Amino acid sequence: MAKPLRASILLDAIDRHLSECPESMNASNDESGTIERVQEGNAADIDESVLQDLTLLSKDSTFVDRLIDGYLSDLRRLLQEISDGLLGQDFNKVRDAAHALKGGSASVGAPRLAAIAAKFNDGDNRTLLERGPEWRSELERAAHIAGTKLTQYSANRQNKQSMQG
């Protein structure tokens, strides 16, 4: 799948998946509900069940690995946008980047990162000014951990596939 990802292709894949097995998607998989239930202090770095569910979206054995690669690329860009926005006190930019990071992180099974991004997304200007640098440090640590674990997950998948095939 080429980057940038064409939404129509992803939506077609999701639609095909839902029509094949609609019972696999229910309200408990809703991103916003997951983030609301998760506090970053007790959230897992990576929820492998989400990654396993993603494998059901496509018969392409490289789909999840390419999704992770795309996410990690977006992660670096979004972290930079948040940092730049904090430095320039452009809090709308911070919230926009955090919103994208929250959704992307929840989608690939990085609940701690999603929960921290939600704090930026929900913060008012004063809170972002006062707490932003502290939260940015938390976000960068969580991003490093999640990135490392997602990379390892992808490498393990690729090793298993090469041993099987």
N, C-alpha and C. Protein backbone atom coordinates (compact mmCIF):
# COMPACT_ATOMS: atom_id res chain seq x y z
N MET A 1 0.84 -1.16 0.00
CA MET A 1 0.00 0.00 0.00
C MET A 1 0.90 1.23 0.00
N ALA A 2 0.71 2.10 -0.96
CA ALA A 2 1.54 3.28 -1.09
C ALA A 2 1.12 4.35 -0.09
N LYS A 3 2.10 5.16 0.31
CA LYS A 3 1.82 6.32 1.16
C LYS A 3 1.77 7.52 0.25
N PRO A 4 0.94 8.49 0.44
CA PRO A 4 -0.03 8.49 1.51
C PRO A 4 -1.13 7.46 1.26
N LEU A 5 -1.65 6.96 2.33
CA LEU A 5 -2.69 5.95 2.29
C LEU A 5 -3.96 6.56 1.71
N ARG A 6 -4.52 5.90 0.71
CA ARG A 6 -5.78 6.37 0.14
C ARG A 6 -6.90 5.85 1.03
N ALA A 7 -7.67 6.78 1.55
CA ALA A 7 -8.74 6.43 2.48
C ALA A 7 -9.73 5.47 1.85
N SER A 8 -10.00 5.62 0.56
CA SER A 8 -10.99 4.76 -0.10
C SER A 8 -10.55 3.30 -0.07
N ILE A 9 -9.26 3.04 -0.22
CA ILE A 9 -8.76 1.66 -0.20
C ILE A 9 -8.91 1.08 1.21
N LEU A 10 -8.54 1.86 2.21
CA LEU A 10 -8.67 1.38 3.59
C LEU A 10 -10.13 1.15 3.95
N LEU A 11 -10.99 2.09 3.57
CA LEU A 11 -12.41 1.94 3.87
C LEU A 11 -13.01 0.73 3.16
N ASP A 12 -12.59 0.48 1.91
CA ASP A 12 -13.06 -0.72 1.21
C ASP A 12 -12.64 -1.99 1.95
N ALA A 13 -11.40 -2.01 2.44
CA ALA A 13 -10.92 -3.18 3.19
C ALA A 13 -11.72 -3.37 4.47
N ILE A 14 -11.97 -2.28 5.16
CA ILE A 14 -12.76 -2.36 6.40
C ILE A 14 -14.18 -2.82 6.10
N ASP A 15 -14.76 -2.26 5.04
CA ASP A 15 -16.12 -2.64 4.66
C ASP A 15 -16.20 -4.13 4.32
N ARG A 16 -15.22 -4.63 3.57
CA ARG A 16 -15.20 -6.06 3.24
C ARG A 16 -15.10 -6.90 4.50
N HIS A 17 -14.24 -6.47 5.41
CA HIS A 17 -14.07 -7.20 6.67
C HIS A 17 -15.37 -7.22 7.46
N LEU A 18 -16.01 -6.06 7.57
CA LEU A 18 -17.24 -5.99 8.35
C LEU A 18 -18.34 -6.84 7.74
N SER A 19 -18.40 -6.89 6.43
CA SER A 19 -19.44 -7.69 5.80
C SER A 19 -19.16 -9.18 5.94
N GLU A 20 -17.88 -9.55 6.06
CA GLU A 20 -17.52 -10.96 6.23
C GLU A 20 -17.73 -11.43 7.66
N CYS A 21 -17.45 -10.55 8.64
CA CYS A 21 -17.56 -10.96 10.04
C CYS A 21 -17.98 -9.79 10.91
N PRO A 22 -19.23 -9.35 10.80
CA PRO A 22 -19.69 -8.19 11.55
C PRO A 22 -19.66 -8.38 13.06
N GLU A 23 -19.69 -9.59 13.52
CA GLU A 23 -19.68 -9.81 14.96
C GLU A 23 -18.34 -9.47 15.58
N SER A 24 -17.28 -9.33 14.78
CA SER A 24 -15.98 -9.03 15.35
C SER A 24 -15.83 -7.58 15.75
N MET A 25 -16.72 -6.73 15.27
CA MET A 25 -16.66 -5.32 15.63
C MET A 25 -17.85 -5.01 16.53
N ASN A 26 -17.56 -4.50 17.72
CA ASN A 26 -18.64 -4.12 18.61
C ASN A 26 -18.28 -2.84 19.34
N ALA A 27 -19.14 -2.38 20.19
CA ALA A 27 -18.94 -1.10 20.85
C ALA A 27 -17.68 -1.08 21.71
N SER A 28 -17.23 -2.22 22.19
CA SER A 28 -16.05 -2.22 23.04
C SER A 28 -14.78 -1.90 22.25
N ASN A 29 -14.83 -1.98 20.91
CA ASN A 29 -13.68 -1.65 20.09
C ASN A 29 -13.66 -0.18 19.71
N ASP A 30 -14.62 0.61 20.14
CA ASP A 30 -14.69 2.02 19.80
C ASP A 30 -13.51 2.77 20.40
N GLU A 31 -12.79 3.52 19.56
CA GLU A 31 -11.57 4.22 19.98
C GLU A 31 -11.82 5.18 21.12
N SER A 32 -12.85 6.01 21.03
CA SER A 32 -13.05 7.02 22.06
C SER A 32 -13.38 6.38 23.40
N GLY A 33 -14.15 5.32 23.41
CA GLY A 33 -14.46 4.62 24.65
C GLY A 33 -13.22 4.01 25.27
N THR A 34 -12.34 3.48 24.43
CA THR A 34 -11.11 2.90 24.93
C THR A 34 -10.25 3.96 25.60
N ILE A 35 -10.11 5.10 24.95
CA ILE A 35 -9.27 6.16 25.49
C ILE A 35 -9.85 6.70 26.79
N GLU A 36 -11.17 6.84 26.85
CA GLU A 36 -11.79 7.34 28.06
C GLU A 36 -11.59 6.38 29.23
N ARG A 37 -11.57 5.07 28.97
CA ARG A 37 -11.42 4.09 30.04
C ARG A 37 -9.97 3.95 30.49
N VAL A 38 -9.04 4.39 29.65
CA VAL A 38 -7.62 4.19 29.92
C VAL A 38 -7.03 5.45 30.54
N GLN A 39 -6.34 5.25 31.63
CA GLN A 39 -5.53 6.32 32.19
C GLN A 39 -4.10 5.93 31.88
N GLU A 40 -3.30 6.91 31.43
CA GLU A 40 -1.97 6.54 30.95
C GLU A 40 -1.12 5.86 32.01
N GLY A 41 -1.41 6.05 33.27
CA GLY A 41 -0.62 5.43 34.33
C GLY A 41 -0.77 3.92 34.38
N ASN A 42 -1.92 3.41 33.98
CA ASN A 42 -2.11 1.96 34.04
C ASN A 42 -2.39 1.35 32.67
N ALA A 43 -2.19 2.12 31.62
CA ALA A 43 -2.42 1.61 30.27
C ALA A 43 -1.21 0.80 29.81
N ALA A 44 -1.49 -0.19 29.01
CA ALA A 44 -0.41 -0.98 28.42
C ALA A 44 0.30 -0.14 27.37
N ASP A 45 1.58 -0.41 27.18
CA ASP A 45 2.30 0.27 26.10
C ASP A 45 1.72 -0.14 24.76
N ILE A 46 1.53 -1.44 24.60
CA ILE A 46 1.00 -2.00 23.36
C ILE A 46 -0.06 -3.05 23.70
N ASP A 47 -1.17 -2.98 23.01
CA ASP A 47 -2.24 -3.96 23.16
C ASP A 47 -2.19 -4.87 21.92
N GLU A 48 -1.56 -6.02 22.09
CA GLU A 48 -1.38 -6.92 20.95
C GLU A 48 -2.69 -7.45 20.39
N SER A 49 -3.74 -7.45 21.18
CA SER A 49 -5.03 -7.91 20.66
C SER A 49 -5.53 -6.98 19.55
N VAL A 50 -5.23 -5.70 19.66
CA VAL A 50 -5.61 -4.76 18.60
C VAL A 50 -4.83 -5.09 17.33
N LEU A 51 -3.54 -5.35 17.48
CA LEU A 51 -2.71 -5.70 16.33
C LEU A 51 -3.18 -7.00 15.69
N GLN A 52 -3.56 -7.96 16.52
CA GLN A 52 -4.08 -9.22 15.98
C GLN A 52 -5.39 -9.00 15.24
N ASP A 53 -6.26 -8.13 15.77
CA ASP A 53 -7.51 -7.81 15.08
C ASP A 53 -7.24 -7.15 13.73
N LEU A 54 -6.19 -6.34 13.65
CA LEU A 54 -5.86 -5.68 12.39
C LEU A 54 -5.50 -6.67 11.30
N THR A 55 -4.95 -7.81 11.69
CA THR A 55 -4.59 -8.82 10.68
C THR A 55 -5.84 -9.35 9.98
N LEU A 56 -6.99 -9.21 10.62
CA LEU A 56 -8.24 -9.68 10.02
C LEU A 56 -8.76 -8.75 8.93
N LEU A 57 -8.21 -7.55 8.85
CA LEU A 57 -8.69 -6.57 7.86
C LEU A 57 -8.21 -6.86 6.45
N SER A 58 -7.17 -7.65 6.31
CA SER A 58 -6.63 -7.90 4.99
C SER A 58 -6.00 -9.29 4.94
N LYS A 59 -6.09 -9.90 3.78
CA LYS A 59 -5.44 -11.19 3.58
C LYS A 59 -3.97 -11.01 3.23
N ASP A 60 -3.56 -9.77 2.98
CA ASP A 60 -2.17 -9.44 2.67
C ASP A 60 -1.35 -9.60 3.95
N SER A 61 -0.40 -10.51 3.93
CA SER A 61 0.38 -10.80 5.14
C SER A 61 1.27 -9.63 5.56
N THR A 62 1.47 -8.65 4.70
CA THR A 62 2.32 -7.50 5.05
C THR A 62 1.50 -6.30 5.50
N PHE A 63 0.19 -6.42 5.52
CA PHE A 63 -0.69 -5.28 5.84
C PHE A 63 -0.35 -4.64 7.18
N VAL A 64 -0.30 -5.44 8.24
CA VAL A 64 -0.05 -4.90 9.58
C VAL A 64 1.34 -4.29 9.67
N ASP A 65 2.33 -4.94 9.06
CA ASP A 65 3.69 -4.42 9.10
C ASP A 65 3.78 -3.07 8.39
N ARG A 66 3.11 -2.95 7.26
CA ARG A 66 3.10 -1.68 6.54
C ARG A 66 2.31 -0.62 7.30
N LEU A 67 1.26 -1.03 7.98
CA LEU A 67 0.49 -0.11 8.81
C LEU A 67 1.36 0.42 9.95
N ILE A 68 2.11 -0.46 10.58
CA ILE A 68 3.01 -0.05 11.66
C ILE A 68 4.07 0.90 11.12
N ASP A 69 4.66 0.59 9.97
CA ASP A 69 5.67 1.47 9.38
C ASP A 69 5.09 2.86 9.11
N GLY A 70 3.90 2.91 8.57
CA GLY A 70 3.25 4.20 8.30
C GLY A 70 2.96 4.95 9.57
N TYR A 71 2.50 4.23 10.58
CA TYR A 71 2.21 4.86 11.87
C TYR A 71 3.49 5.44 12.48
N LEU A 72 4.58 4.69 12.44
CA LEU A 72 5.83 5.17 13.03
C LEU A 72 6.34 6.41 12.31
N SER A 73 6.15 6.47 11.01
CA SER A 73 6.51 7.65 10.25
C SER A 73 5.65 8.85 10.68
N ASP A 74 4.35 8.61 10.79
CA ASP A 74 3.44 9.67 11.25
C ASP A 74 3.75 10.08 12.67
N LEU A 75 4.12 9.13 13.51
CA LEU A 75 4.43 9.40 14.91
C LEU A 75 5.56 10.42 15.02
N ARG A 76 6.62 10.22 14.26
CA ARG A 76 7.75 11.16 14.30
C ARG A 76 7.30 12.57 13.87
N ARG A 77 6.53 12.63 12.81
CA ARG A 77 6.05 13.92 12.31
C ARG A 77 5.14 14.61 13.33
N LEU A 78 4.22 13.86 13.92
CA LEU A 78 3.27 14.44 14.87
C LEU A 78 3.96 14.89 16.16
N LEU A 79 4.95 14.13 16.62
CA LEU A 79 5.71 14.56 17.79
C LEU A 79 6.43 15.88 17.51
N GLN A 80 6.96 16.02 16.31
CA GLN A 80 7.63 17.26 15.94
C GLN A 80 6.64 18.42 15.87
N GLU A 81 5.45 18.16 15.33
CA GLU A 81 4.43 19.21 15.26
C GLU A 81 4.00 19.65 16.66
N ILE A 82 3.87 18.70 17.57
CA ILE A 82 3.51 19.05 18.95
C ILE A 82 4.62 19.89 19.59
N SER A 83 5.87 19.47 19.42
CA SER A 83 7.00 20.23 19.96
C SER A 83 7.05 21.64 19.38
N ASP A 84 6.93 21.73 18.06
CA ASP A 84 6.97 23.03 17.40
C ASP A 84 5.82 23.92 17.87
N GLY A 85 4.63 23.32 17.99
CA GLY A 85 3.47 24.09 18.45
C GLY A 85 3.64 24.59 19.86
N LEU A 86 4.22 23.77 20.73
CA LEU A 86 4.46 24.21 22.11
C LEU A 86 5.48 25.35 22.15
N LEU A 87 6.56 25.20 21.39
CA LEU A 87 7.59 26.25 21.37
C LEU A 87 7.05 27.57 20.84
N GLY A 88 6.21 27.49 19.81
CA GLY A 88 5.64 28.70 19.22
C GLY A 88 4.33 29.12 19.85
N GLN A 89 3.91 28.42 20.88
CA GLN A 89 2.63 28.67 21.55
C GLN A 89 1.46 28.68 20.56
N ASP A 90 1.56 27.80 19.56
CA ASP A 90 0.47 27.61 18.59
C ASP A 90 -0.32 26.39 19.08
N PHE A 91 -1.21 26.63 20.03
CA PHE A 91 -1.89 25.54 20.71
C PHE A 91 -2.92 24.84 19.85
N ASN A 92 -3.43 25.50 18.83
CA ASN A 92 -4.32 24.82 17.88
C ASN A 92 -3.53 23.76 17.11
N LYS A 93 -2.31 24.09 16.74
CA LYS A 93 -1.44 23.12 16.06
C LYS A 93 -1.15 21.94 16.97
N VAL A 94 -0.91 22.23 18.24
CA VAL A 94 -0.65 21.17 19.23
C VAL A 94 -1.87 20.25 19.31
N ARG A 95 -3.05 20.84 19.46
CA ARG A 95 -4.26 20.03 19.60
C ARG A 95 -4.55 19.23 18.34
N ASP A 96 -4.34 19.82 17.16
CA ASP A 96 -4.57 19.09 15.91
C ASP A 96 -3.65 17.88 15.80
N ALA A 97 -2.37 18.09 16.08
CA ALA A 97 -1.41 16.99 16.01
C ALA A 97 -1.72 15.93 17.06
N ALA A 98 -2.09 16.38 18.26
CA ALA A 98 -2.41 15.44 19.34
C ALA A 98 -3.66 14.63 18.99
N HIS A 99 -4.63 15.27 18.36
CA HIS A 99 -5.84 14.55 17.97
C HIS A 99 -5.50 13.44 16.98
N ALA A 100 -4.68 13.76 16.00
CA ALA A 100 -4.26 12.75 15.01
C ALA A 100 -3.46 11.64 15.69
N LEU A 101 -2.59 12.01 16.61
CA LEU A 101 -1.78 11.02 17.32
C LEU A 101 -2.64 10.13 18.20
N LYS A 102 -3.61 10.71 18.85
CA LYS A 102 -4.52 9.93 19.71
C LYS A 102 -5.25 8.87 18.89
N GLY A 103 -5.81 9.26 17.77
CA GLY A 103 -6.54 8.31 16.94
C GLY A 103 -5.64 7.24 16.34
N GLY A 104 -4.50 7.66 15.82
CA GLY A 104 -3.57 6.70 15.23
C GLY A 104 -3.04 5.72 16.25
N SER A 105 -2.73 6.22 17.43
CA SER A 105 -2.19 5.36 18.49
C SER A 105 -3.23 4.34 18.95
N ALA A 106 -4.47 4.78 19.11
CA ALA A 106 -5.53 3.85 19.50
C ALA A 106 -5.74 2.80 18.41
N SER A 107 -5.61 3.21 17.16
CA SER A 107 -5.85 2.29 16.04
C SER A 107 -4.81 1.19 15.92
N VAL A 108 -3.57 1.47 16.35
CA VAL A 108 -2.53 0.45 16.27
C VAL A 108 -2.26 -0.22 17.62
N GLY A 109 -3.08 0.08 18.61
CA GLY A 109 -2.93 -0.60 19.89
C GLY A 109 -1.85 -0.03 20.77
N ALA A 110 -1.76 1.31 20.82
CA ALA A 110 -0.82 1.97 21.72
C ALA A 110 -1.62 2.84 22.70
N PRO A 111 -2.30 2.20 23.67
CA PRO A 111 -3.23 2.94 24.53
C PRO A 111 -2.58 3.97 25.45
N ARG A 112 -1.39 3.72 25.95
CA ARG A 112 -0.74 4.71 26.82
C ARG A 112 -0.43 5.98 26.02
N LEU A 113 0.10 5.79 24.83
CA LEU A 113 0.41 6.93 23.97
C LEU A 113 -0.86 7.69 23.60
N ALA A 114 -1.93 6.96 23.31
CA ALA A 114 -3.21 7.59 22.99
C ALA A 114 -3.73 8.40 24.18
N ALA A 115 -3.58 7.88 25.38
CA ALA A 115 -4.07 8.58 26.58
C ALA A 115 -3.28 9.86 26.84
N ILE A 116 -1.98 9.81 26.62
CA ILE A 116 -1.17 11.02 26.82
C ILE A 116 -1.51 12.05 25.74
N ALA A 117 -1.66 11.60 24.50
CA ALA A 117 -2.05 12.51 23.42
C ALA A 117 -3.41 13.15 23.71
N ALA A 118 -4.29 12.40 24.34
CA ALA A 118 -5.62 12.93 24.69
C ALA A 118 -5.51 14.11 25.65
N LYS A 119 -4.52 14.10 26.53
CA LYS A 119 -4.33 15.24 27.45
C LYS A 119 -4.02 16.51 26.65
N PHE A 120 -3.16 16.39 25.65
CA PHE A 120 -2.86 17.54 24.80
C PHE A 120 -4.10 17.97 24.01
N ASN A 121 -4.79 17.00 23.48
CA ASN A 121 -5.97 17.27 22.66
C ASN A 121 -7.04 18.01 23.46
N ASP A 122 -7.18 17.65 24.73
CA ASP A 122 -8.24 18.21 25.58
C ASP A 122 -7.80 19.45 26.35
N GLY A 123 -6.50 19.77 26.33
CA GLY A 123 -5.99 20.87 27.15
C GLY A 123 -6.36 22.23 26.60
N ASP A 124 -6.68 23.15 27.50
CA ASP A 124 -6.90 24.54 27.08
C ASP A 124 -5.53 25.22 26.95
N ASN A 125 -5.52 26.44 26.42
CA ASN A 125 -4.25 27.13 26.16
C ASN A 125 -3.40 27.29 27.42
N ARG A 126 -4.02 27.68 28.51
CA ARG A 126 -3.28 27.89 29.75
C ARG A 126 -2.65 26.58 30.24
N THR A 127 -3.44 25.52 30.20
CA THR A 127 -2.93 24.22 30.65
C THR A 127 -1.78 23.77 29.75
N LEU A 128 -1.92 23.95 28.45
CA LEU A 128 -0.84 23.56 27.53
C LEU A 128 0.41 24.38 27.77
N LEU A 129 0.25 25.65 28.07
CA LEU A 129 1.39 26.50 28.35
C LEU A 129 2.10 26.04 29.62
N GLU A 130 1.32 25.72 30.65
CA GLU A 130 1.90 25.34 31.95
C GLU A 130 2.39 23.90 31.99
N ARG A 131 1.62 22.99 31.42
CA ARG A 131 1.92 21.56 31.56
C ARG A 131 2.55 20.95 30.30
N GLY A 132 2.50 21.67 29.19
CA GLY A 132 2.96 21.14 27.91
C GLY A 132 4.35 20.54 27.92
N PRO A 133 5.36 21.25 28.47
CA PRO A 133 6.71 20.68 28.46
C PRO A 133 6.80 19.36 29.23
N GLU A 134 6.12 19.30 30.37
CA GLU A 134 6.12 18.06 31.17
C GLU A 134 5.43 16.93 30.38
N TRP A 135 4.28 17.25 29.81
CA TRP A 135 3.55 16.24 29.03
C TRP A 135 4.34 15.82 27.79
N ARG A 136 5.06 16.77 27.19
CA ARG A 136 5.86 16.42 26.01
C ARG A 136 6.91 15.38 26.37
N SER A 137 7.54 15.54 27.52
CA SER A 137 8.53 14.55 27.97
C SER A 137 7.88 13.18 28.16
N GLU A 138 6.70 13.16 28.77
CA GLU A 138 5.95 11.90 28.93
C GLU A 138 5.63 11.29 27.57
N LEU A 139 5.18 12.15 26.67
CA LEU A 139 4.79 11.70 25.33
C LEU A 139 5.98 11.11 24.59
N GLU A 140 7.12 11.77 24.68
CA GLU A 140 8.31 11.28 23.99
C GLU A 140 8.78 9.95 24.56
N ARG A 141 8.73 9.80 25.88
CA ARG A 141 9.11 8.51 26.50
C ARG A 141 8.15 7.41 26.04
N ALA A 142 6.85 7.70 26.10
CA ALA A 142 5.85 6.70 25.69
C ALA A 142 5.98 6.37 24.21
N ALA A 143 6.29 7.37 23.39
CA ALA A 143 6.46 7.15 21.95
C ALA A 143 7.67 6.26 21.68
N HIS A 144 8.74 6.49 22.42
CA HIS A 144 9.94 5.65 22.25
C HIS A 144 9.64 4.19 22.60
N ILE A 145 8.97 4.00 23.72
CA ILE A 145 8.63 2.64 24.16
C ILE A 145 7.68 1.98 23.16
N ALA A 146 6.62 2.69 22.79
CA ALA A 146 5.65 2.12 21.84
C ALA A 146 6.31 1.84 20.50
N GLY A 147 7.13 2.76 20.03
CA GLY A 147 7.82 2.56 18.75
C GLY A 147 8.71 1.34 18.77
N THR A 148 9.44 1.18 19.86
CA THR A 148 10.33 0.01 20.01
C THR A 148 9.52 -1.28 20.02
N LYS A 149 8.43 -1.29 20.78
CA LYS A 149 7.61 -2.50 20.88
C LYS A 149 6.89 -2.82 19.58
N LEU A 150 6.41 -1.79 18.88
CA LEU A 150 5.76 -2.03 17.58
C LEU A 150 6.76 -2.55 16.55
N THR A 151 7.95 -1.99 16.56
CA THR A 151 9.00 -2.46 15.65
C THR A 151 9.34 -3.92 15.94
N GLN A 152 9.45 -4.26 17.22
CA GLN A 152 9.75 -5.64 17.62
C GLN A 152 8.61 -6.57 17.23
N TYR A 153 7.37 -6.13 17.44
CA TYR A 153 6.21 -6.93 17.07
C TYR A 153 6.25 -7.23 15.56
N SER A 154 6.51 -6.21 14.77
CA SER A 154 6.57 -6.38 13.32
C SER A 154 7.71 -7.32 12.91
N ALA A 155 8.89 -7.15 13.54
CA ALA A 155 10.03 -8.02 13.23
C ALA A 155 9.72 -9.47 13.59
N ASN A 156 9.08 -9.69 14.73
CA ASN A 156 8.71 -11.05 15.13
C ASN A 156 7.73 -11.66 14.13
N ARG A 157 6.76 -10.86 13.67
CA ARG A 157 5.80 -11.35 12.68
C ARG A 157 6.51 -11.76 11.39
N GLN A 158 7.41 -10.91 10.95
CA GLN A 158 8.14 -11.18 9.72
C GLN A 158 9.01 -12.43 9.84
N ASN A 159 9.64 -12.61 11.00
CA ASN A 159 10.46 -13.81 11.23
C ASN A 159 9.59 -15.07 11.19
N LYS A 160 8.42 -15.03 11.83
CA LYS A 160 7.53 -16.19 11.82
C LYS A 160 7.08 -16.50 10.40
N GLN A 161 6.75 -15.46 9.65
CA GLN A 161 6.29 -15.67 8.27
C GLN A 161 7.39 -16.25 7.40
N SER A 162 8.63 -15.78 7.58
CA SER A 162 9.72 -16.30 6.77
C SER A 162 10.04 -17.75 7.13
N MET A 163 9.84 -18.12 8.38
CA MET A 163 10.07 -19.49 8.81
C MET A 163 8.98 -20.42 8.27
N GLN A 164 7.77 -19.89 8.10
CA GLN A 164 6.66 -20.69 7.59
C GLN A 164 6.67 -20.81 6.08
N GLY A 165 7.21 -19.79 5.42
CA GLY A 165 7.03 -19.75 4.00
C GLY A 165 8.20 -19.97 3.17
